[in-house]
């Protein structure tokens, strides 16, 4: 501790009761990813590292700590879907995080409805307010500063189809507050729901 700042070099440890990294980089939209195996089975799993990276065209991505079924499926088929995780769906989203065998259908496990894909052969969560169908751009294994491969894989996909449940469209705008998205917001069990929203206009100069 120096003055009012606690500084640490991650390679030397944080010196705190729990690692603060995920609590600092928060809240984070949940990458609730549905995919299909090469044999046609279905997988649904949440990922805490997720983001949007471009808008012309739309590009989204998620990172898997460990080479999990979603990465293998997406590499095999070239497709996946992101599903918005919301407060009403939180418990069922959490159920899909269970470490089950690859042949287990997490839609059935969590009591969720498979909405058919339009431009991809992967179902989306029909109960979710919005879903983004994607085709794979690339899977990148992340390397550290020493050039060593990490146990982390980043999948980037271009959005080729957008599902929005009509009750969440208000005057032509997606009603984010009404959708009640939830996010990872700290330590192992911490989640957050979107709160008060406000507007700021980007300055022109």
N, C-alpha and C. Protein backbone atom coordinates (compact mmCIF):
# COMPACT_ATOMS: atom_id res chain seq x y z
N UNK A 1 0.85 -1.19 0.00
CA UNK A 1 0.00 0.00 0.00
C UNK A 1 0.88 1.24 0.00
N UNK A 2 0.67 2.12 -0.96
CA UNK A 2 1.38 3.38 -1.03
C UNK A 2 0.37 4.51 -0.94
N UNK A 3 0.39 5.23 0.16
CA UNK A 3 -0.60 6.28 0.34
C UNK A 3 -1.99 5.69 0.36
N UNK A 4 -2.85 6.16 -0.54
CA UNK A 4 -4.23 5.67 -0.62
C UNK A 4 -4.40 4.64 -1.73
N UNK A 5 -3.32 4.11 -2.26
CA UNK A 5 -3.38 3.17 -3.39
C UNK A 5 -2.81 1.81 -2.98
N UNK A 6 -3.55 0.77 -3.28
CA UNK A 6 -3.02 -0.60 -3.16
C UNK A 6 -2.60 -1.02 -4.56
N UNK A 7 -1.29 -1.12 -4.78
CA UNK A 7 -0.78 -1.51 -6.08
C UNK A 7 -0.12 -2.87 -5.96
N UNK A 8 -0.30 -3.71 -7.00
CA UNK A 8 0.42 -4.97 -7.01
C UNK A 8 0.74 -5.37 -8.44
N UNK A 9 1.81 -6.15 -8.57
CA UNK A 9 2.19 -6.77 -9.82
C UNK A 9 1.54 -8.15 -9.83
N UNK A 10 0.64 -8.44 -10.79
CA UNK A 10 -0.07 -9.72 -10.77
C UNK A 10 0.86 -10.93 -10.70
N UNK A 11 2.07 -10.83 -11.25
CA UNK A 11 2.98 -11.97 -11.21
C UNK A 11 3.49 -12.26 -9.81
N UNK A 12 3.34 -11.26 -8.91
CA UNK A 12 3.83 -11.42 -7.54
C UNK A 12 2.70 -11.66 -6.54
N UNK A 13 1.45 -11.67 -7.01
CA UNK A 13 0.31 -11.89 -6.12
C UNK A 13 -0.32 -10.59 -5.66
N UNK A 14 -1.61 -10.67 -5.35
CA UNK A 14 -2.36 -9.45 -5.00
C UNK A 14 -2.32 -9.10 -3.53
N UNK A 15 -1.98 -10.05 -2.67
CA UNK A 15 -1.88 -9.76 -1.25
C UNK A 15 -3.20 -9.47 -0.56
N UNK A 16 -4.29 -9.90 -1.19
CA UNK A 16 -5.62 -9.67 -0.64
C UNK A 16 -6.29 -11.02 -0.37
N UNK A 17 -7.37 -11.04 0.42
CA UNK A 17 -8.03 -12.32 0.70
C UNK A 17 -8.54 -13.03 -0.55
N UNK A 18 -8.94 -12.26 -1.58
CA UNK A 18 -9.44 -12.83 -2.82
C UNK A 18 -8.95 -11.98 -3.99
N UNK A 19 -8.73 -12.60 -5.13
CA UNK A 19 -8.26 -11.91 -6.33
C UNK A 19 -9.30 -10.87 -6.75
N UNK A 20 -8.91 -9.58 -6.84
CA UNK A 20 -9.90 -8.53 -7.16
C UNK A 20 -10.15 -8.31 -8.65
N UNK A 21 -9.41 -9.01 -9.53
CA UNK A 21 -9.47 -8.69 -10.96
C UNK A 21 -10.89 -8.70 -11.51
N UNK A 22 -11.64 -9.80 -11.27
CA UNK A 22 -12.98 -9.90 -11.84
C UNK A 22 -13.97 -8.94 -11.18
N UNK A 23 -13.65 -8.49 -9.97
CA UNK A 23 -14.50 -7.50 -9.31
C UNK A 23 -14.24 -6.10 -9.87
N UNK A 24 -13.02 -5.89 -10.36
CA UNK A 24 -12.69 -4.58 -10.95
C UNK A 24 -13.23 -4.48 -12.37
N UNK A 25 -13.02 -5.51 -13.16
CA UNK A 25 -13.52 -5.51 -14.54
C UNK A 25 -14.98 -5.98 -14.50
N UNK A 26 -15.83 -5.08 -14.06
CA UNK A 26 -17.23 -5.42 -13.82
C UNK A 26 -18.09 -4.17 -13.96
N UNK A 27 -19.37 -4.33 -14.32
CA UNK A 27 -20.02 -5.61 -14.64
C UNK A 27 -19.66 -6.07 -16.05
N UNK A 28 -19.81 -7.37 -16.28
CA UNK A 28 -19.51 -7.95 -17.58
C UNK A 28 -20.74 -8.69 -18.09
N UNK A 29 -21.15 -8.36 -19.32
CA UNK A 29 -22.26 -9.08 -19.95
C UNK A 29 -21.91 -10.56 -20.01
N UNK A 30 -22.88 -11.41 -19.78
CA UNK A 30 -22.67 -12.85 -19.79
C UNK A 30 -22.75 -13.39 -21.20
N UNK A 31 -21.74 -14.17 -21.58
CA UNK A 31 -21.78 -14.83 -22.88
C UNK A 31 -22.52 -16.16 -22.74
N UNK A 32 -23.84 -16.13 -22.89
CA UNK A 32 -24.65 -17.36 -22.77
C UNK A 32 -24.73 -17.96 -24.16
N UNK A 33 -23.88 -18.93 -24.42
CA UNK A 33 -23.60 -19.40 -25.77
C UNK A 33 -24.23 -20.75 -26.06
N UNK A 34 -25.04 -20.80 -27.12
CA UNK A 34 -25.56 -22.09 -27.58
C UNK A 34 -24.77 -22.50 -28.82
N UNK A 35 -24.53 -23.81 -28.92
CA UNK A 35 -23.76 -24.35 -30.04
C UNK A 35 -24.27 -25.75 -30.33
N UNK A 36 -23.76 -26.30 -31.42
CA UNK A 36 -24.18 -27.64 -31.82
C UNK A 36 -22.95 -28.49 -32.11
N UNK A 37 -22.96 -29.75 -31.69
CA UNK A 37 -21.86 -30.64 -31.99
C UNK A 37 -21.89 -31.03 -33.46
N UNK A 38 -20.78 -31.59 -33.94
CA UNK A 38 -20.72 -32.05 -35.33
C UNK A 38 -21.75 -33.13 -35.60
N UNK A 39 -22.12 -33.88 -34.53
CA UNK A 39 -23.11 -34.95 -34.67
C UNK A 39 -24.54 -34.45 -34.52
N UNK A 40 -24.73 -33.17 -34.19
CA UNK A 40 -26.07 -32.60 -34.10
C UNK A 40 -26.58 -32.35 -32.70
N UNK A 41 -25.82 -32.73 -31.66
CA UNK A 41 -26.23 -32.46 -30.29
C UNK A 41 -26.17 -30.97 -29.99
N UNK A 42 -26.82 -30.56 -28.91
CA UNK A 42 -26.92 -29.14 -28.57
C UNK A 42 -26.24 -28.88 -27.23
N UNK A 43 -25.55 -27.74 -27.14
CA UNK A 43 -24.88 -27.32 -25.91
C UNK A 43 -25.28 -25.88 -25.59
N UNK A 44 -25.40 -25.58 -24.31
CA UNK A 44 -25.70 -24.22 -23.87
C UNK A 44 -24.90 -23.95 -22.61
N UNK A 45 -24.07 -22.89 -22.61
CA UNK A 45 -23.20 -22.63 -21.47
C UNK A 45 -22.92 -21.14 -21.33
N UNK A 46 -22.81 -20.64 -20.07
CA UNK A 46 -22.48 -19.23 -19.85
C UNK A 46 -20.97 -19.02 -19.70
N UNK A 47 -20.52 -17.86 -20.20
CA UNK A 47 -19.11 -17.48 -20.10
C UNK A 47 -19.03 -16.06 -19.55
N UNK A 48 -18.14 -15.84 -18.57
CA UNK A 48 -18.09 -14.53 -17.93
C UNK A 48 -17.22 -13.52 -18.67
N UNK A 49 -16.44 -13.99 -19.65
CA UNK A 49 -15.66 -13.07 -20.47
C UNK A 49 -16.32 -12.99 -21.85
N UNK A 50 -17.01 -11.87 -22.09
CA UNK A 50 -17.79 -11.69 -23.32
C UNK A 50 -17.80 -10.22 -23.68
N UNK A 51 -17.87 -9.93 -24.97
CA UNK A 51 -17.98 -8.54 -25.38
C UNK A 51 -18.36 -8.37 -26.83
N UNK A 52 -18.70 -7.12 -27.18
CA UNK A 52 -18.95 -6.73 -28.57
C UNK A 52 -17.73 -5.96 -29.04
N UNK A 53 -17.28 -6.26 -30.28
CA UNK A 53 -16.01 -5.70 -30.74
C UNK A 53 -16.11 -4.86 -32.00
N UNK A 54 -17.22 -4.90 -32.70
CA UNK A 54 -17.38 -4.10 -33.92
C UNK A 54 -18.87 -4.00 -34.24
N UNK A 55 -19.21 -2.94 -35.00
CA UNK A 55 -20.61 -2.77 -35.37
C UNK A 55 -20.84 -2.71 -36.87
N UNK A 56 -19.78 -2.69 -37.69
CA UNK A 56 -19.94 -2.65 -39.15
C UNK A 56 -18.98 -3.64 -39.80
N UNK A 57 -19.27 -4.92 -39.84
CA UNK A 57 -20.46 -5.60 -39.35
C UNK A 57 -20.37 -5.87 -37.84
N UNK A 58 -21.49 -6.37 -37.28
CA UNK A 58 -21.49 -6.71 -35.86
C UNK A 58 -20.54 -7.88 -35.61
N UNK A 59 -19.66 -7.73 -34.63
CA UNK A 59 -18.76 -8.82 -34.21
C UNK A 59 -18.81 -8.93 -32.69
N UNK A 60 -19.04 -10.15 -32.21
CA UNK A 60 -19.02 -10.41 -30.77
C UNK A 60 -18.05 -11.54 -30.50
N UNK A 61 -17.68 -11.70 -29.23
CA UNK A 61 -16.76 -12.77 -28.90
C UNK A 61 -16.82 -13.14 -27.44
N UNK A 62 -16.35 -14.34 -27.13
CA UNK A 62 -16.25 -14.78 -25.74
C UNK A 62 -14.96 -15.59 -25.59
N UNK A 63 -14.46 -15.60 -24.36
CA UNK A 63 -13.24 -16.34 -24.06
C UNK A 63 -13.56 -17.47 -23.09
N UNK A 64 -13.04 -18.65 -23.41
CA UNK A 64 -13.24 -19.83 -22.58
C UNK A 64 -11.96 -20.13 -21.82
N UNK A 65 -12.06 -20.19 -20.49
CA UNK A 65 -10.92 -20.60 -19.68
C UNK A 65 -10.93 -22.12 -19.64
N UNK A 66 -10.04 -22.72 -20.40
CA UNK A 66 -10.07 -24.16 -20.63
C UNK A 66 -10.76 -24.42 -21.95
N UNK A 67 -10.31 -25.46 -22.64
CA UNK A 67 -10.90 -25.77 -23.94
C UNK A 67 -12.18 -26.58 -23.71
N UNK A 68 -13.29 -25.87 -23.62
CA UNK A 68 -14.56 -26.49 -23.27
C UNK A 68 -15.37 -26.86 -24.52
N UNK A 69 -16.52 -27.50 -24.27
CA UNK A 69 -17.33 -28.03 -25.37
C UNK A 69 -17.72 -26.95 -26.38
N UNK A 70 -18.03 -25.75 -25.89
CA UNK A 70 -18.48 -24.69 -26.81
C UNK A 70 -17.43 -24.41 -27.87
N UNK A 71 -16.16 -24.31 -27.48
CA UNK A 71 -15.09 -24.02 -28.43
C UNK A 71 -14.96 -25.15 -29.44
N UNK A 72 -14.97 -26.39 -28.96
CA UNK A 72 -14.87 -27.54 -29.87
C UNK A 72 -16.03 -27.57 -30.85
N UNK A 73 -17.24 -27.32 -30.35
CA UNK A 73 -18.43 -27.32 -31.21
C UNK A 73 -18.36 -26.24 -32.27
N UNK A 74 -17.96 -25.04 -31.85
CA UNK A 74 -17.94 -23.91 -32.78
C UNK A 74 -16.88 -24.12 -33.85
N UNK A 75 -15.74 -24.68 -33.47
CA UNK A 75 -14.72 -24.98 -34.48
C UNK A 75 -15.21 -26.02 -35.47
N UNK A 76 -15.99 -26.98 -34.97
CA UNK A 76 -16.47 -28.06 -35.84
C UNK A 76 -17.56 -27.59 -36.80
N UNK A 77 -18.44 -26.70 -36.35
CA UNK A 77 -19.59 -26.31 -37.17
C UNK A 77 -19.50 -24.90 -37.74
N UNK A 78 -18.69 -24.03 -37.11
CA UNK A 78 -18.56 -22.66 -37.59
C UNK A 78 -19.71 -21.76 -37.21
N UNK A 79 -20.52 -22.16 -36.20
CA UNK A 79 -21.71 -21.37 -35.84
C UNK A 79 -21.91 -21.38 -34.33
N UNK A 80 -22.54 -20.30 -33.83
CA UNK A 80 -23.00 -20.25 -32.44
C UNK A 80 -24.02 -19.15 -32.29
N UNK A 81 -24.68 -19.11 -31.14
CA UNK A 81 -25.67 -18.08 -30.84
C UNK A 81 -25.41 -17.54 -29.43
N UNK A 82 -25.45 -16.21 -29.30
CA UNK A 82 -25.43 -15.58 -27.99
C UNK A 82 -26.87 -15.30 -27.57
N UNK A 83 -27.19 -15.63 -26.32
CA UNK A 83 -28.53 -15.42 -25.76
C UNK A 83 -28.44 -14.46 -24.58
N UNK A 84 -29.29 -13.46 -24.53
CA UNK A 84 -29.28 -12.53 -23.42
C UNK A 84 -29.75 -13.23 -22.14
N UNK A 85 -28.94 -13.13 -21.10
CA UNK A 85 -29.29 -13.68 -19.80
C UNK A 85 -29.93 -12.58 -18.96
N UNK A 86 -31.08 -12.86 -18.39
CA UNK A 86 -31.85 -11.84 -17.68
C UNK A 86 -32.20 -12.29 -16.27
N UNK A 87 -32.69 -11.36 -15.48
CA UNK A 87 -33.04 -11.70 -14.09
C UNK A 87 -34.07 -12.82 -14.02
N UNK A 88 -35.13 -12.80 -14.83
CA UNK A 88 -36.08 -13.92 -14.78
C UNK A 88 -35.48 -15.26 -15.20
N UNK A 89 -34.41 -15.22 -15.98
CA UNK A 89 -33.78 -16.45 -16.46
C UNK A 89 -32.52 -16.82 -15.69
N UNK A 90 -32.20 -16.07 -14.64
CA UNK A 90 -30.92 -16.23 -13.95
C UNK A 90 -30.70 -17.64 -13.42
N UNK A 91 -31.69 -18.21 -12.76
CA UNK A 91 -31.50 -19.53 -12.17
C UNK A 91 -31.31 -20.59 -13.25
N UNK A 92 -32.03 -20.45 -14.35
CA UNK A 92 -31.88 -21.42 -15.43
C UNK A 92 -30.55 -21.23 -16.16
N UNK A 93 -30.11 -19.98 -16.29
CA UNK A 93 -28.78 -19.74 -16.85
C UNK A 93 -27.72 -20.41 -15.98
N UNK A 94 -27.85 -20.24 -14.68
CA UNK A 94 -26.88 -20.83 -13.76
C UNK A 94 -26.88 -22.35 -13.85
N UNK A 95 -28.04 -22.92 -14.08
CA UNK A 95 -28.13 -24.38 -14.20
C UNK A 95 -27.32 -24.87 -15.39
N UNK A 96 -27.25 -24.08 -16.45
CA UNK A 96 -26.50 -24.50 -17.64
C UNK A 96 -24.99 -24.43 -17.43
N UNK A 97 -24.54 -23.90 -16.28
CA UNK A 97 -23.11 -23.85 -16.01
C UNK A 97 -22.60 -25.13 -15.36
N UNK A 98 -23.50 -26.07 -15.05
CA UNK A 98 -23.10 -27.31 -14.41
C UNK A 98 -22.13 -28.10 -15.30
N UNK A 99 -21.10 -28.69 -14.71
CA UNK A 99 -20.11 -29.46 -15.49
C UNK A 99 -20.65 -30.84 -15.84
N UNK A 100 -21.48 -30.91 -16.88
CA UNK A 100 -22.11 -32.16 -17.26
C UNK A 100 -21.42 -32.74 -18.50
N UNK A 101 -21.73 -33.98 -18.81
CA UNK A 101 -21.13 -34.65 -19.96
C UNK A 101 -21.56 -33.97 -21.27
N UNK A 102 -20.72 -34.06 -22.31
CA UNK A 102 -21.03 -33.38 -23.58
C UNK A 102 -22.36 -33.78 -24.20
N UNK A 103 -22.82 -35.00 -23.94
CA UNK A 103 -24.07 -35.45 -24.56
C UNK A 103 -25.32 -34.93 -23.85
N UNK A 104 -25.14 -34.26 -22.70
CA UNK A 104 -26.29 -33.70 -21.97
C UNK A 104 -26.77 -32.43 -22.66
N UNK A 105 -28.06 -32.33 -22.88
CA UNK A 105 -28.68 -31.16 -23.50
C UNK A 105 -29.04 -30.17 -22.40
N UNK A 106 -28.29 -29.06 -22.32
CA UNK A 106 -28.53 -28.08 -21.24
C UNK A 106 -29.86 -27.35 -21.40
N UNK A 107 -30.40 -27.26 -22.61
CA UNK A 107 -31.74 -26.69 -22.76
C UNK A 107 -32.73 -27.52 -21.95
N UNK A 108 -32.67 -28.83 -22.13
CA UNK A 108 -33.57 -29.71 -21.39
C UNK A 108 -33.25 -29.70 -19.90
N UNK A 109 -31.98 -29.68 -19.56
CA UNK A 109 -31.55 -29.67 -18.17
C UNK A 109 -32.12 -28.47 -17.41
N UNK A 110 -32.17 -27.31 -18.09
CA UNK A 110 -32.62 -26.08 -17.44
C UNK A 110 -34.07 -25.74 -17.74
N UNK A 111 -34.78 -26.59 -18.49
CA UNK A 111 -36.18 -26.33 -18.80
C UNK A 111 -36.38 -25.15 -19.73
N UNK A 112 -35.51 -25.03 -20.72
CA UNK A 112 -35.58 -23.93 -21.68
C UNK A 112 -36.07 -24.42 -23.04
N UNK A 113 -36.69 -23.51 -23.78
CA UNK A 113 -37.24 -23.83 -25.08
C UNK A 113 -36.24 -23.52 -26.19
N UNK A 114 -36.07 -24.44 -27.13
CA UNK A 114 -35.19 -24.20 -28.26
C UNK A 114 -35.94 -23.42 -29.34
N UNK A 115 -35.50 -22.20 -29.58
CA UNK A 115 -36.02 -21.45 -30.72
C UNK A 115 -35.19 -21.79 -31.94
N UNK A 116 -35.80 -22.05 -33.08
CA UNK A 116 -35.04 -22.46 -34.26
C UNK A 116 -34.17 -21.34 -34.81
N UNK A 117 -32.99 -21.71 -35.31
CA UNK A 117 -32.14 -20.74 -35.97
C UNK A 117 -32.71 -20.37 -37.33
N UNK A 118 -32.41 -19.19 -37.79
CA UNK A 118 -32.84 -18.75 -39.13
C UNK A 118 -31.69 -18.85 -40.12
N UNK A 119 -30.55 -18.28 -39.76
CA UNK A 119 -29.39 -18.27 -40.65
C UNK A 119 -28.27 -19.19 -40.18
N UNK A 120 -28.47 -19.84 -39.03
CA UNK A 120 -27.52 -20.84 -38.53
C UNK A 120 -28.33 -22.05 -38.07
N UNK A 121 -27.66 -23.18 -37.99
CA UNK A 121 -28.31 -24.41 -37.56
C UNK A 121 -28.06 -24.64 -36.07
N UNK A 122 -28.29 -23.59 -35.29
CA UNK A 122 -28.10 -23.64 -33.83
C UNK A 122 -29.33 -23.00 -33.19
N UNK A 123 -29.94 -23.64 -32.20
CA UNK A 123 -31.11 -23.04 -31.55
C UNK A 123 -30.72 -21.91 -30.60
N UNK A 124 -31.67 -21.03 -30.36
CA UNK A 124 -31.49 -19.99 -29.35
C UNK A 124 -32.47 -20.22 -28.21
N UNK A 125 -32.26 -19.52 -27.10
CA UNK A 125 -33.16 -19.62 -25.95
C UNK A 125 -34.40 -18.80 -26.26
N UNK A 126 -35.52 -19.47 -26.50
CA UNK A 126 -36.74 -18.77 -26.92
C UNK A 126 -37.23 -17.81 -25.85
N UNK A 127 -36.96 -18.10 -24.58
CA UNK A 127 -37.41 -17.24 -23.48
C UNK A 127 -36.58 -15.97 -23.36
N UNK A 128 -35.43 -15.91 -24.00
CA UNK A 128 -34.55 -14.75 -23.88
C UNK A 128 -35.10 -13.58 -24.70
N UNK A 129 -34.97 -12.34 -24.18
CA UNK A 129 -35.47 -11.18 -24.93
C UNK A 129 -34.77 -10.96 -26.27
N UNK A 130 -33.51 -11.39 -26.37
CA UNK A 130 -32.76 -11.17 -27.62
C UNK A 130 -31.69 -12.23 -27.77
N UNK A 131 -31.39 -12.56 -29.02
CA UNK A 131 -30.36 -13.54 -29.32
C UNK A 131 -29.68 -13.15 -30.62
N UNK A 132 -28.37 -13.44 -30.71
CA UNK A 132 -27.57 -13.08 -31.87
C UNK A 132 -27.00 -14.35 -32.51
N UNK A 133 -27.42 -14.64 -33.73
CA UNK A 133 -26.87 -15.77 -34.47
C UNK A 133 -25.53 -15.35 -35.06
N UNK A 134 -24.53 -16.22 -34.92
CA UNK A 134 -23.18 -15.88 -35.38
C UNK A 134 -22.57 -16.98 -36.22
N UNK A 135 -21.73 -16.55 -37.16
CA UNK A 135 -20.84 -17.47 -37.86
C UNK A 135 -19.41 -17.15 -37.43
N UNK A 136 -18.65 -18.18 -37.24
CA UNK A 136 -17.31 -18.05 -36.69
C UNK A 136 -16.37 -17.29 -37.62
N UNK A 137 -15.66 -16.32 -37.06
CA UNK A 137 -14.58 -15.64 -37.77
C UNK A 137 -13.25 -16.33 -37.48
N UNK A 138 -12.97 -16.51 -36.19
CA UNK A 138 -11.75 -17.19 -35.80
C UNK A 138 -11.78 -17.58 -34.34
N UNK A 139 -11.03 -18.63 -34.02
CA UNK A 139 -10.75 -19.01 -32.64
C UNK A 139 -9.27 -18.78 -32.42
N UNK A 140 -8.95 -18.00 -31.40
CA UNK A 140 -7.57 -17.63 -31.11
C UNK A 140 -7.18 -18.18 -29.75
N UNK A 141 -6.12 -18.97 -29.70
CA UNK A 141 -5.58 -19.35 -28.40
C UNK A 141 -4.71 -18.20 -27.91
N UNK A 142 -5.01 -17.68 -26.72
CA UNK A 142 -4.32 -16.52 -26.20
C UNK A 142 -2.94 -16.92 -25.68
N UNK A 143 -1.94 -16.05 -25.96
CA UNK A 143 -0.57 -16.26 -25.48
C UNK A 143 -0.20 -15.13 -24.53
N UNK A 144 0.66 -15.43 -23.55
CA UNK A 144 1.07 -14.42 -22.59
C UNK A 144 2.26 -13.62 -23.12
N UNK A 145 2.81 -12.72 -22.28
CA UNK A 145 3.90 -11.85 -22.71
C UNK A 145 5.15 -12.62 -23.08
N UNK A 146 5.31 -13.81 -22.52
CA UNK A 146 6.48 -14.64 -22.83
C UNK A 146 6.25 -15.48 -24.08
N UNK A 147 5.07 -15.32 -24.70
CA UNK A 147 4.76 -16.10 -25.89
C UNK A 147 4.27 -17.50 -25.60
N UNK A 148 3.98 -17.77 -24.34
CA UNK A 148 3.52 -19.09 -23.96
C UNK A 148 2.00 -19.21 -24.13
N UNK A 149 1.53 -20.31 -24.72
CA UNK A 149 0.08 -20.48 -24.88
C UNK A 149 -0.61 -20.63 -23.53
N UNK A 150 -1.71 -19.91 -23.38
CA UNK A 150 -2.51 -19.98 -22.15
C UNK A 150 -3.64 -20.97 -22.33
N UNK A 151 -4.27 -21.31 -21.23
CA UNK A 151 -5.41 -22.23 -21.29
C UNK A 151 -6.69 -21.44 -21.52
N UNK A 152 -6.64 -20.53 -22.51
CA UNK A 152 -7.75 -19.64 -22.83
C UNK A 152 -7.92 -19.54 -24.33
N UNK A 153 -9.16 -19.68 -24.80
CA UNK A 153 -9.48 -19.61 -26.22
C UNK A 153 -10.53 -18.52 -26.45
N UNK A 154 -10.26 -17.61 -27.37
CA UNK A 154 -11.17 -16.52 -27.73
C UNK A 154 -11.85 -16.86 -29.04
N UNK A 155 -13.19 -16.91 -29.02
CA UNK A 155 -13.96 -17.16 -30.24
C UNK A 155 -14.63 -15.86 -30.67
N UNK A 156 -14.40 -15.47 -31.91
CA UNK A 156 -15.00 -14.26 -32.48
C UNK A 156 -15.97 -14.66 -33.58
N UNK A 157 -17.16 -14.06 -33.56
CA UNK A 157 -18.15 -14.39 -34.56
C UNK A 157 -18.82 -13.16 -35.14
N UNK A 158 -19.19 -13.23 -36.41
CA UNK A 158 -19.94 -12.16 -37.05
C UNK A 158 -21.42 -12.47 -36.93
N UNK A 159 -22.17 -11.48 -36.50
CA UNK A 159 -23.62 -11.66 -36.31
C UNK A 159 -24.30 -11.70 -37.68
N UNK A 160 -25.05 -12.79 -37.91
CA UNK A 160 -25.74 -12.95 -39.19
C UNK A 160 -27.26 -13.02 -39.01
N UNK A 161 -27.73 -12.90 -37.78
CA UNK A 161 -29.16 -12.91 -37.53
C UNK A 161 -29.45 -12.41 -36.12
N UNK A 162 -30.49 -11.62 -35.97
CA UNK A 162 -30.84 -11.04 -34.67
C UNK A 162 -32.29 -11.37 -34.35
N UNK A 163 -32.52 -11.97 -33.18
CA UNK A 163 -33.86 -12.26 -32.69
C UNK A 163 -34.20 -11.28 -31.57
N UNK A 164 -35.33 -10.61 -31.67
CA UNK A 164 -35.81 -9.72 -30.60
C UNK A 164 -37.27 -10.05 -30.34
N UNK A 165 -37.59 -10.40 -29.12
CA UNK A 165 -38.99 -10.63 -28.78
C UNK A 165 -39.74 -9.30 -28.83
N UNK A 166 -40.88 -9.30 -29.49
CA UNK A 166 -41.57 -8.05 -29.83
C UNK A 166 -41.96 -7.24 -28.61
N UNK A 167 -42.21 -7.89 -27.45
CA UNK A 167 -42.63 -7.12 -26.28
C UNK A 167 -41.51 -6.24 -25.73
N UNK A 168 -40.28 -6.43 -26.22
CA UNK A 168 -39.17 -5.60 -25.76
C UNK A 168 -38.81 -4.51 -26.76
N UNK A 169 -39.63 -4.33 -27.78
CA UNK A 169 -39.47 -3.22 -28.70
C UNK A 169 -40.49 -2.14 -28.36
N UNK A 170 -40.02 -0.97 -27.98
CA UNK A 170 -40.88 0.15 -27.61
C UNK A 170 -40.58 1.33 -28.52
N UNK A 171 -41.53 1.69 -29.36
CA UNK A 171 -41.35 2.78 -30.32
C UNK A 171 -40.11 2.54 -31.19
N UNK A 172 -39.90 1.29 -31.55
CA UNK A 172 -38.80 0.95 -32.44
C UNK A 172 -37.45 0.82 -31.76
N UNK A 173 -37.40 0.95 -30.43
CA UNK A 173 -36.15 0.83 -29.68
C UNK A 173 -36.19 -0.42 -28.79
N UNK A 174 -35.05 -1.11 -28.69
CA UNK A 174 -34.98 -2.23 -27.77
C UNK A 174 -34.95 -1.68 -26.35
N UNK A 175 -35.88 -2.15 -25.51
CA UNK A 175 -36.02 -1.64 -24.14
C UNK A 175 -35.12 -2.46 -23.22
N UNK A 176 -33.88 -2.01 -23.07
CA UNK A 176 -32.90 -2.73 -22.28
C UNK A 176 -33.34 -2.86 -20.83
N UNK A 177 -33.89 -1.79 -20.27
CA UNK A 177 -34.31 -1.83 -18.86
C UNK A 177 -35.41 -2.86 -18.65
N UNK A 178 -36.35 -2.94 -19.58
CA UNK A 178 -37.44 -3.90 -19.45
C UNK A 178 -36.93 -5.34 -19.61
N UNK A 179 -35.88 -5.52 -20.40
CA UNK A 179 -35.33 -6.87 -20.60
C UNK A 179 -34.64 -7.38 -19.35
N UNK A 180 -34.12 -6.49 -18.51
CA UNK A 180 -33.49 -6.83 -17.23
C UNK A 180 -32.28 -7.76 -17.40
N UNK A 181 -31.31 -7.37 -18.25
CA UNK A 181 -30.12 -8.20 -18.39
C UNK A 181 -29.34 -8.27 -17.08
N UNK A 182 -28.71 -9.41 -16.85
CA UNK A 182 -27.85 -9.55 -15.68
C UNK A 182 -26.41 -9.69 -16.14
N UNK A 183 -25.47 -9.37 -15.24
CA UNK A 183 -24.06 -9.35 -15.57
C UNK A 183 -23.25 -9.94 -14.42
N UNK A 184 -22.07 -10.42 -14.75
CA UNK A 184 -21.13 -10.81 -13.70
C UNK A 184 -20.58 -9.53 -13.10
N UNK A 185 -20.49 -9.49 -11.76
CA UNK A 185 -20.19 -8.21 -11.12
C UNK A 185 -19.31 -8.36 -9.89
N UNK A 186 -18.32 -9.23 -9.94
CA UNK A 186 -17.43 -9.32 -8.80
C UNK A 186 -16.86 -10.69 -8.62
N UNK A 187 -17.02 -11.20 -7.41
CA UNK A 187 -16.41 -12.47 -7.08
C UNK A 187 -17.28 -13.64 -7.52
N UNK A 188 -16.98 -14.83 -7.03
CA UNK A 188 -17.53 -16.06 -7.59
C UNK A 188 -19.05 -16.06 -7.73
N UNK A 189 -19.76 -15.55 -6.73
CA UNK A 189 -21.22 -15.65 -6.75
C UNK A 189 -21.91 -14.32 -7.04
N UNK A 190 -21.18 -13.30 -7.43
CA UNK A 190 -21.74 -11.96 -7.57
C UNK A 190 -22.26 -11.67 -8.98
N UNK A 191 -23.52 -11.28 -9.03
CA UNK A 191 -24.16 -10.86 -10.27
C UNK A 191 -24.82 -9.51 -10.04
N UNK A 192 -25.13 -8.81 -11.11
CA UNK A 192 -25.81 -7.53 -11.01
C UNK A 192 -26.90 -7.45 -12.07
N UNK A 193 -27.95 -6.74 -11.73
CA UNK A 193 -29.00 -6.42 -12.69
C UNK A 193 -28.84 -4.97 -13.08
N UNK A 194 -29.17 -4.65 -14.32
CA UNK A 194 -29.03 -3.27 -14.77
C UNK A 194 -29.88 -2.36 -13.90
N UNK A 195 -29.29 -1.23 -13.51
CA UNK A 195 -29.98 -0.29 -12.64
C UNK A 195 -30.41 0.95 -13.38
N UNK A 196 -30.25 2.10 -12.73
CA UNK A 196 -30.67 3.36 -13.32
C UNK A 196 -29.85 3.63 -14.58
N UNK A 197 -30.53 4.06 -15.62
CA UNK A 197 -29.86 4.42 -16.88
C UNK A 197 -29.91 5.92 -17.07
N UNK A 198 -28.89 6.47 -17.74
CA UNK A 198 -28.87 7.89 -18.06
C UNK A 198 -28.28 8.09 -19.43
N UNK A 199 -28.46 9.28 -19.99
CA UNK A 199 -28.01 9.56 -21.35
C UNK A 199 -26.94 10.65 -21.36
N UNK A 200 -25.97 10.50 -22.24
CA UNK A 200 -24.99 11.55 -22.54
C UNK A 200 -24.76 11.53 -24.04
N UNK A 201 -24.72 12.70 -24.65
CA UNK A 201 -24.47 12.82 -26.08
C UNK A 201 -22.98 13.03 -26.30
N UNK A 202 -22.40 12.24 -27.21
CA UNK A 202 -20.98 12.36 -27.49
C UNK A 202 -20.69 13.74 -28.07
N UNK A 203 -19.66 14.45 -27.57
CA UNK A 203 -19.36 15.79 -28.11
C UNK A 203 -18.90 15.71 -29.56
N UNK A 204 -19.21 16.75 -30.31
CA UNK A 204 -18.87 16.77 -31.74
C UNK A 204 -17.45 17.27 -31.97
N UNK A 205 -16.86 17.86 -30.95
CA UNK A 205 -15.47 18.35 -31.10
C UNK A 205 -14.84 18.45 -29.73
